[in-house]
Amino acid sequence: MKYRQKKAAEYFVGEAAGNMEKAAVMAGYSKRYARGNAYKIFEIPEVKAYIEKLNKSVQDYDKSIADTAEIKAFWSRVMKDDNEQMKNRLRASELLAKAGGMFSDW
């Protein structure tokens, strides 16, 4: 795979958000070429395989990021754990309260 093809695939998955023409231009192809021919870049088997690899790594990364419910569950476990240091339990309860909006002024 050529350098510009690789960059086009990376932009396609990233900043261009699935826009083939925009990804091709960002990778260094001319606007004129990209307008009518960008799809040709993304039909190349090596480029398709690279995009699939990039998409899988993005999905795996997204799964590793905790959502709000997981964070609150963690703080709750720490807060309720009798074996945890009191300062950590208090901090967890404070963070839960802040996340719940208990310290906001009405």
N, C-alpha and C. Protein backbone atom coordinates (compact mmCIF):
# COMPACT_ATOMS: atom_id res chain seq x y z
N MET A 1 0.84 -1.17 0.00
CA MET A 1 0.00 0.00 0.00
C MET A 1 0.89 1.24 0.00
N LYS A 2 0.52 2.19 -0.80
CA LYS A 2 1.30 3.42 -0.90
C LYS A 2 0.98 4.34 0.28
N TYR A 3 1.89 5.27 0.52
CA TYR A 3 1.77 6.18 1.65
C TYR A 3 0.44 6.96 1.62
N ARG A 4 0.11 7.55 0.48
CA ARG A 4 -1.13 8.35 0.40
C ARG A 4 -2.37 7.48 0.58
N GLN A 5 -2.32 6.25 0.11
CA GLN A 5 -3.45 5.34 0.30
C GLN A 5 -3.64 5.04 1.80
N LYS A 6 -2.52 4.81 2.46
CA LYS A 6 -2.58 4.53 3.90
C LYS A 6 -3.13 5.75 4.66
N LYS A 7 -2.64 6.93 4.31
CA LYS A 7 -3.12 8.15 4.97
C LYS A 7 -4.61 8.38 4.68
N ALA A 8 -5.03 8.10 3.45
CA ALA A 8 -6.45 8.25 3.11
C ALA A 8 -7.31 7.33 3.97
N ALA A 9 -6.86 6.11 4.18
CA ALA A 9 -7.60 5.17 5.03
C ALA A 9 -7.67 5.68 6.46
N GLU A 10 -6.55 6.21 6.95
CA GLU A 10 -6.53 6.73 8.32
C GLU A 10 -7.46 7.93 8.47
N TYR A 11 -7.45 8.82 7.50
CA TYR A 11 -8.35 9.98 7.55
C TYR A 11 -9.81 9.54 7.40
N PHE A 12 -10.05 8.54 6.57
CA PHE A 12 -11.40 8.02 6.35
C PHE A 12 -12.00 7.54 7.67
N VAL A 13 -11.21 6.82 8.44
CA VAL A 13 -11.67 6.29 9.73
C VAL A 13 -11.71 7.39 10.78
N GLY A 14 -10.83 8.37 10.67
CA GLY A 14 -10.72 9.41 11.68
C GLY A 14 -11.43 10.70 11.31
N GLU A 15 -10.64 11.72 11.01
CA GLU A 15 -11.14 13.08 10.82
C GLU A 15 -12.19 13.24 9.71
N ALA A 16 -12.07 12.49 8.64
CA ALA A 16 -13.01 12.63 7.53
C ALA A 16 -14.34 11.93 7.81
N ALA A 17 -14.39 11.13 8.85
CA ALA A 17 -15.62 10.49 9.32
C ALA A 17 -16.39 9.76 8.21
N GLY A 18 -15.67 8.97 7.43
CA GLY A 18 -16.33 8.17 6.41
C GLY A 18 -16.52 8.85 5.07
N ASN A 19 -16.03 10.06 4.90
CA ASN A 19 -16.16 10.78 3.64
C ASN A 19 -14.93 10.48 2.78
N MET A 20 -15.13 9.69 1.73
CA MET A 20 -14.01 9.25 0.89
C MET A 20 -13.30 10.43 0.22
N GLU A 21 -14.07 11.34 -0.34
CA GLU A 21 -13.48 12.47 -1.05
C GLU A 21 -12.64 13.32 -0.10
N LYS A 22 -13.19 13.64 1.05
CA LYS A 22 -12.47 14.46 2.03
C LYS A 22 -11.20 13.74 2.50
N ALA A 23 -11.29 12.44 2.75
CA ALA A 23 -10.13 11.67 3.20
C ALA A 23 -9.03 11.68 2.15
N ALA A 24 -9.41 11.54 0.89
CA ALA A 24 -8.43 11.54 -0.20
C ALA A 24 -7.72 12.89 -0.29
N VAL A 25 -8.47 13.98 -0.20
CA VAL A 25 -7.87 15.32 -0.26
C VAL A 25 -6.93 15.53 0.93
N MET A 26 -7.37 15.12 2.10
CA MET A 26 -6.53 15.28 3.30
C MET A 26 -5.24 14.48 3.19
N ALA A 27 -5.30 13.36 2.45
CA ALA A 27 -4.12 12.51 2.28
C ALA A 27 -3.16 13.03 1.22
N GLY A 28 -3.58 14.06 0.49
CA GLY A 28 -2.67 14.65 -0.48
C GLY A 28 -3.09 14.50 -1.94
N TYR A 29 -4.21 13.86 -2.20
CA TYR A 29 -4.71 13.77 -3.57
C TYR A 29 -5.33 15.12 -3.94
N SER A 30 -5.33 15.45 -5.22
CA SER A 30 -5.92 16.72 -5.65
C SER A 30 -7.44 16.65 -5.50
N LYS A 31 -8.03 17.83 -5.34
CA LYS A 31 -9.49 17.89 -5.23
C LYS A 31 -10.15 17.36 -6.50
N ARG A 32 -9.53 17.67 -7.61
CA ARG A 32 -10.08 17.24 -8.90
C ARG A 32 -10.08 15.71 -9.00
N TYR A 33 -8.98 15.10 -8.61
CA TYR A 33 -8.91 13.63 -8.64
C TYR A 33 -9.90 13.03 -7.64
N ALA A 34 -9.91 13.58 -6.45
CA ALA A 34 -10.74 13.03 -5.38
C ALA A 34 -12.22 13.11 -5.72
N ARG A 35 -12.62 14.17 -6.43
CA ARG A 35 -14.03 14.38 -6.75
C ARG A 35 -14.64 13.16 -7.44
N GLY A 36 -13.96 12.62 -8.41
CA GLY A 36 -14.56 11.53 -9.18
C GLY A 36 -13.91 10.17 -9.00
N ASN A 37 -12.78 10.15 -8.30
CA ASN A 37 -12.03 8.90 -8.24
C ASN A 37 -11.69 8.40 -6.84
N ALA A 38 -12.13 9.08 -5.82
CA ALA A 38 -11.77 8.69 -4.46
C ALA A 38 -12.20 7.25 -4.15
N TYR A 39 -13.35 6.86 -4.69
CA TYR A 39 -13.84 5.51 -4.42
C TYR A 39 -12.86 4.44 -4.88
N LYS A 40 -12.05 4.75 -5.91
CA LYS A 40 -11.08 3.79 -6.42
C LYS A 40 -10.01 3.45 -5.39
N ILE A 41 -9.64 4.45 -4.60
CA ILE A 41 -8.64 4.23 -3.55
C ILE A 41 -9.18 3.22 -2.54
N PHE A 42 -10.44 3.37 -2.19
CA PHE A 42 -11.03 2.56 -1.13
C PHE A 42 -11.52 1.20 -1.61
N GLU A 43 -11.40 0.95 -2.91
CA GLU A 43 -11.70 -0.38 -3.45
C GLU A 43 -10.47 -1.28 -3.48
N ILE A 44 -9.30 -0.73 -3.26
CA ILE A 44 -8.06 -1.51 -3.26
C ILE A 44 -8.09 -2.46 -2.06
N PRO A 45 -7.87 -3.76 -2.28
CA PRO A 45 -7.98 -4.74 -1.19
C PRO A 45 -7.12 -4.41 0.04
N GLU A 46 -5.90 -3.93 -0.18
CA GLU A 46 -5.03 -3.61 0.96
C GLU A 46 -5.60 -2.44 1.77
N VAL A 47 -6.19 -1.48 1.08
CA VAL A 47 -6.79 -0.32 1.76
C VAL A 47 -8.01 -0.77 2.54
N LYS A 48 -8.85 -1.63 1.94
CA LYS A 48 -10.03 -2.15 2.63
C LYS A 48 -9.61 -2.89 3.90
N ALA A 49 -8.59 -3.73 3.78
CA ALA A 49 -8.13 -4.50 4.94
C ALA A 49 -7.59 -3.58 6.03
N TYR A 50 -6.88 -2.54 5.63
CA TYR A 50 -6.33 -1.59 6.60
C TYR A 50 -7.46 -0.83 7.31
N ILE A 51 -8.49 -0.46 6.58
CA ILE A 51 -9.63 0.22 7.19
C ILE A 51 -10.32 -0.69 8.19
N GLU A 52 -10.48 -1.95 7.84
CA GLU A 52 -11.09 -2.91 8.78
C GLU A 52 -10.24 -3.03 10.04
N LYS A 53 -8.94 -3.08 9.88
CA LYS A 53 -8.03 -3.15 11.03
C LYS A 53 -8.17 -1.90 11.91
N LEU A 54 -8.20 -0.73 11.27
CA LEU A 54 -8.35 0.52 12.02
C LEU A 54 -9.68 0.57 12.75
N ASN A 55 -10.75 0.16 12.08
CA ASN A 55 -12.06 0.17 12.72
C ASN A 55 -12.11 -0.77 13.92
N LYS A 56 -11.47 -1.92 13.80
CA LYS A 56 -11.44 -2.86 14.92
C LYS A 56 -10.67 -2.27 16.10
N SER A 57 -9.54 -1.62 15.82
CA SER A 57 -8.77 -1.04 16.92
C SER A 57 -9.53 0.11 17.59
N VAL A 58 -10.31 0.87 16.81
CA VAL A 58 -11.13 1.93 17.39
C VAL A 58 -12.22 1.33 18.28
N GLN A 59 -12.84 0.27 17.81
CA GLN A 59 -13.88 -0.39 18.61
C GLN A 59 -13.30 -0.96 19.90
N ASP A 60 -12.13 -1.57 19.81
CA ASP A 60 -11.49 -2.12 21.01
C ASP A 60 -11.14 -1.00 21.98
N TYR A 61 -10.69 0.13 21.47
CA TYR A 61 -10.36 1.27 22.32
C TYR A 61 -11.61 1.81 23.00
N ASP A 62 -12.70 1.92 22.25
CA ASP A 62 -13.95 2.41 22.82
C ASP A 62 -14.44 1.52 23.95
N LYS A 63 -14.23 0.22 23.83
CA LYS A 63 -14.67 -0.70 24.87
C LYS A 63 -13.85 -0.54 26.14
N SER A 64 -12.64 -0.03 26.02
CA SER A 64 -11.78 0.11 27.19
C SER A 64 -12.07 1.38 27.99
N ILE A 65 -12.89 2.28 27.45
CA ILE A 65 -13.22 3.53 28.13
C ILE A 65 -14.45 3.31 28.99
N ALA A 66 -14.33 3.66 30.26
CA ALA A 66 -15.45 3.50 31.19
C ALA A 66 -16.52 4.54 30.91
N ASP A 67 -17.78 4.11 30.96
CA ASP A 67 -18.87 5.08 30.83
C ASP A 67 -19.25 5.58 32.23
N THR A 68 -20.20 6.49 32.28
CA THR A 68 -20.59 7.12 33.54
C THR A 68 -21.08 6.10 34.56
N ALA A 69 -21.87 5.15 34.12
CA ALA A 69 -22.40 4.14 35.05
C ALA A 69 -21.27 3.31 35.66
N GLU A 70 -20.28 2.95 34.85
CA GLU A 70 -19.15 2.18 35.37
C GLU A 70 -18.34 2.98 36.39
N ILE A 71 -18.16 4.26 36.12
CA ILE A 71 -17.42 5.12 37.05
C ILE A 71 -18.16 5.24 38.37
N LYS A 72 -19.47 5.47 38.29
CA LYS A 72 -20.26 5.58 39.51
C LYS A 72 -20.27 4.26 40.29
N ALA A 73 -20.33 3.14 39.59
CA ALA A 73 -20.30 1.84 40.25
C ALA A 73 -18.96 1.64 40.97
N PHE A 74 -17.87 2.07 40.33
CA PHE A 74 -16.55 1.97 40.95
C PHE A 74 -16.49 2.81 42.22
N TRP A 75 -16.93 4.07 42.13
CA TRP A 75 -16.93 4.95 43.30
C TRP A 75 -17.78 4.35 44.42
N SER A 76 -18.90 3.75 44.04
CA SER A 76 -19.78 3.13 45.04
C SER A 76 -19.09 1.97 45.73
N ARG A 77 -18.39 1.14 44.96
CA ARG A 77 -17.67 0.00 45.57
C ARG A 77 -16.60 0.50 46.54
N VAL A 78 -15.86 1.53 46.13
CA VAL A 78 -14.82 2.08 47.00
C VAL A 78 -15.45 2.65 48.26
N MET A 79 -16.52 3.39 48.11
CA MET A 79 -17.18 4.03 49.25
C MET A 79 -17.70 3.00 50.25
N LYS A 80 -18.19 1.87 49.78
CA LYS A 80 -18.79 0.85 50.65
C LYS A 80 -17.80 -0.19 51.15
N ASP A 81 -16.56 -0.14 50.68
CA ASP A 81 -15.55 -1.13 51.05
C ASP A 81 -14.96 -0.80 52.42
N ASP A 82 -15.27 -1.63 53.41
CA ASP A 82 -14.77 -1.40 54.78
C ASP A 82 -13.26 -1.56 54.88
N ASN A 83 -12.64 -2.24 53.93
CA ASN A 83 -11.19 -2.45 53.96
C ASN A 83 -10.43 -1.28 53.32
N GLU A 84 -11.15 -0.39 52.66
CA GLU A 84 -10.53 0.77 52.00
C GLU A 84 -10.24 1.85 53.04
N GLN A 85 -9.18 2.63 52.79
CA GLN A 85 -8.86 3.73 53.71
C GLN A 85 -10.01 4.74 53.72
N MET A 86 -10.22 5.33 54.90
CA MET A 86 -11.35 6.26 55.06
C MET A 86 -11.22 7.46 54.11
N LYS A 87 -10.02 7.95 53.87
CA LYS A 87 -9.86 9.09 52.97
C LYS A 87 -10.32 8.73 51.56
N ASN A 88 -10.06 7.51 51.12
CA ASN A 88 -10.50 7.07 49.79
C ASN A 88 -12.01 6.90 49.74
N ARG A 89 -12.59 6.39 50.83
CA ARG A 89 -14.05 6.22 50.90
C ARG A 89 -14.75 7.58 50.87
N LEU A 90 -14.19 8.54 51.63
CA LEU A 90 -14.77 9.88 51.63
C LEU A 90 -14.65 10.55 50.27
N ARG A 91 -13.52 10.40 49.63
CA ARG A 91 -13.31 10.99 48.31
C ARG A 91 -14.29 10.38 47.30
N ALA A 92 -14.48 9.06 47.37
CA ALA A 92 -15.43 8.40 46.46
C ALA A 92 -16.84 8.92 46.69
N SER A 93 -17.23 9.11 47.96
CA SER A 93 -18.58 9.62 48.24
C SER A 93 -18.72 11.06 47.73
N GLU A 94 -17.66 11.84 47.85
CA GLU A 94 -17.69 13.22 47.36
C GLU A 94 -17.85 13.26 45.84
N LEU A 95 -17.10 12.40 45.15
CA LEU A 95 -17.20 12.35 43.69
C LEU A 95 -18.58 11.88 43.24
N LEU A 96 -19.15 10.91 43.94
CA LEU A 96 -20.51 10.48 43.62
C LEU A 96 -21.50 11.61 43.81
N ALA A 97 -21.35 12.35 44.90
CA ALA A 97 -22.25 13.47 45.18
C ALA A 97 -22.11 14.55 44.10
N LYS A 98 -20.88 14.85 43.71
CA LYS A 98 -20.66 15.85 42.66
C LYS A 98 -21.27 15.40 41.34
N ALA A 99 -21.07 14.12 41.01
CA ALA A 99 -21.61 13.59 39.76
C ALA A 99 -23.14 13.61 39.78
N GLY A 100 -23.72 13.48 40.96
CA GLY A 100 -25.17 13.52 41.09
C GLY A 100 -25.73 14.92 41.22
N GLY A 101 -24.87 15.93 41.23
CA GLY A 101 -25.32 17.30 41.30
C GLY A 101 -25.73 17.77 42.68
N MET A 102 -25.27 17.08 43.70
CA MET A 102 -25.67 17.41 45.06
C MET A 102 -25.02 18.69 45.58
N PHE A 103 -23.98 19.17 44.94
CA PHE A 103 -23.30 20.37 45.41
C PHE A 103 -23.63 21.61 44.58
N SER A 104 -24.56 21.48 43.67
CA SER A 104 -24.87 22.62 42.82
C SER A 104 -25.81 23.57 43.55
N ASP A 105 -25.64 24.84 43.28
CA ASP A 105 -26.49 25.87 43.89
C ASP A 105 -27.76 26.01 43.07
N TRP A 106 -28.86 26.03 43.75
CA TRP A 106 -30.16 26.17 43.06
C TRP A 106 -30.46 27.57 42.90
